[in-house]
Amino acid sequence: MQSVDTLHLTVLSVPHLDERDWSALTHGDRVRQLEVEGYVVLPNLLSPEHIARLKLETRQLPTTAVDYSVHQRVYSHPQFAGRAIAELAAFPPTSTLQSRLIRRRMFL
């Protein structure tokens, strides 16, 4: 481990564009991505129609500002805000991934 006085940080001046084929990831790759990076991209998960309904519902939510960022607003309990949003909780592709992640944790 390096001491603090010899540690050098590199700051990227240009944003990095991740060009991997997210649809080609195996379940294991998705789990690893989620555990290491904290997010995973699931392309084509929602239909354009569902996205349009989500936009319509979320646009109408009375959000409130947060004290830690001028760029963020919140709405408590969005799962009760509309049908398109509520459907996400039991959406088969995401619930399958969640179930597999939970089972994996149980056996670690």
Protein backbone atom coordinates (compact mmCIF):
# COMPACT_ATOMS: atom_id res chain seq x y z
CA MET A 1 0.00 0.00 0.00
CA GLN A 2 1.33 3.42 -0.92
CA SER A 3 1.71 6.10 1.68
CA VAL A 4 -0.36 9.25 1.30
CA ASP A 5 2.64 11.37 0.29
CA THR A 6 3.41 9.15 -2.73
CA LEU A 7 -0.16 8.58 -3.88
CA HIS A 8 -0.94 10.18 -7.23
CA LEU A 9 -4.44 10.62 -8.60
CA THR A 10 -5.24 10.76 -12.28
CA VAL A 11 -8.27 12.80 -13.23
CA LEU A 12 -9.79 12.13 -16.62
CA SER A 13 -10.43 15.37 -18.45
CA VAL A 14 -12.56 13.62 -21.06
CA PRO A 15 -15.57 11.52 -20.05
CA HIS A 16 -15.10 7.82 -20.71
CA LEU A 17 -17.70 6.25 -22.97
CA ASP A 18 -18.34 2.61 -22.17
CA GLU A 19 -18.97 0.97 -25.52
CA ARG A 20 -19.39 -2.62 -24.40
CA ASP A 21 -22.32 -4.65 -25.68
CA TRP A 22 -24.46 -4.67 -22.54
CA SER A 23 -26.93 -7.10 -24.09
CA ALA A 24 -24.17 -9.72 -24.42
CA LEU A 25 -23.40 -9.84 -20.69
CA THR A 26 -24.04 -13.15 -18.97
CA HIS A 27 -25.85 -13.24 -15.64
CA GLY A 28 -22.48 -13.58 -13.92
CA ASP A 29 -21.15 -10.54 -15.80
CA ARG A 30 -24.21 -8.53 -14.72
CA VAL A 31 -23.77 -9.55 -11.09
CA ARG A 32 -20.08 -8.67 -11.19
CA GLN A 33 -20.83 -5.30 -12.81
CA LEU A 34 -23.45 -4.54 -10.18
CA GLU A 35 -21.24 -5.57 -7.26
CA VAL A 36 -18.08 -3.82 -8.49
CA GLU A 37 -19.46 -0.68 -10.14
CA GLY A 38 -22.81 -0.36 -8.36
CA TYR A 39 -24.91 -0.35 -11.52
CA VAL A 40 -25.78 -2.51 -14.48
CA VAL A 41 -27.36 -1.57 -17.80
CA LEU A 42 -30.19 -3.76 -19.05
CA PRO A 43 -30.77 -2.59 -22.63
CA ASN A 44 -34.21 -2.83 -24.20
CA LEU A 45 -35.70 -3.76 -20.84
CA LEU A 46 -38.73 -1.50 -21.21
CA SER A 47 -40.81 -0.95 -24.30
CA PRO A 48 -41.03 2.56 -25.77
CA GLU A 49 -44.70 2.60 -24.73
CA HIS A 50 -43.86 1.82 -21.10
CA ILE A 51 -41.17 4.51 -21.08
CA ALA A 52 -43.69 7.02 -22.45
CA ARG A 53 -46.16 6.10 -19.67
CA LEU A 54 -43.40 6.42 -17.05
CA LYS A 55 -42.44 9.86 -18.35
CA LEU A 56 -46.06 10.98 -18.24
CA GLU A 57 -46.52 9.75 -14.66
CA THR A 58 -43.22 11.04 -13.30
CA ARG A 59 -43.58 14.43 -14.95
CA GLN A 60 -46.65 15.03 -12.78
CA LEU A 61 -45.05 14.10 -9.43
CA PRO A 62 -44.74 16.94 -6.91
CA THR A 63 -41.03 16.61 -6.17
CA THR A 64 -39.14 18.53 -3.51
CA ALA A 65 -35.61 19.88 -3.53
CA VAL A 66 -32.88 18.29 -1.44
CA ASP A 67 -30.37 20.28 0.58
CA TYR A 68 -27.28 18.53 -0.79
CA SER A 69 -27.71 19.17 -4.52
CA VAL A 70 -29.35 21.78 -6.71
CA HIS A 71 -29.63 19.12 -9.43
CA GLN A 72 -31.70 16.58 -7.53
CA ARG A 73 -35.30 16.46 -6.46
CA VAL A 74 -37.13 13.67 -4.63
CA TYR A 75 -40.56 12.15 -4.31
CA SER A 76 -41.33 9.76 -1.46
CA HIS A 77 -42.89 6.39 -2.19
CA PRO A 78 -43.01 6.56 -6.00
CA GLN A 79 -44.23 2.95 -6.13
CA PHE A 80 -47.70 4.27 -5.24
CA ALA A 81 -47.67 7.15 -7.74
CA GLY A 82 -49.13 5.38 -10.74
CA ARG A 83 -49.66 2.11 -12.53
CA ALA A 84 -46.65 2.30 -14.89
CA ILE A 85 -44.36 2.96 -11.93
CA ALA A 86 -45.96 0.25 -9.77
CA GLU A 87 -45.56 -2.29 -12.58
CA LEU A 88 -41.78 -1.91 -12.32
CA ALA A 89 -41.77 -3.56 -8.88
CA ALA A 90 -42.94 -6.88 -10.33
CA PHE A 91 -41.52 -6.49 -13.82
CA PRO A 92 -40.38 -10.02 -14.77
CA PRO A 93 -36.88 -9.25 -16.15
CA THR A 94 -35.88 -7.14 -13.14
CA SER A 95 -37.58 -9.36 -10.56
CA THR A 96 -35.80 -12.38 -12.06
CA LEU A 97 -32.44 -10.62 -11.73
CA GLN A 98 -33.30 -9.56 -8.17
CA SER A 99 -34.32 -13.11 -7.22
CA ARG A 100 -31.12 -14.56 -8.63
CA LEU A 101 -29.05 -11.96 -6.77
CA ILE A 102 -30.82 -12.72 -3.49
CA ARG A 103 -30.35 -16.48 -3.92
CA ARG A 104 -26.68 -15.92 -4.72
CA ARG A 105 -26.22 -13.91 -1.51
CA MET A 106 -27.87 -16.64 0.54
CA PHE A 107 -25.27 -19.19 -0.54
CA LEU A 108 -22.13 -17.06 -0.23
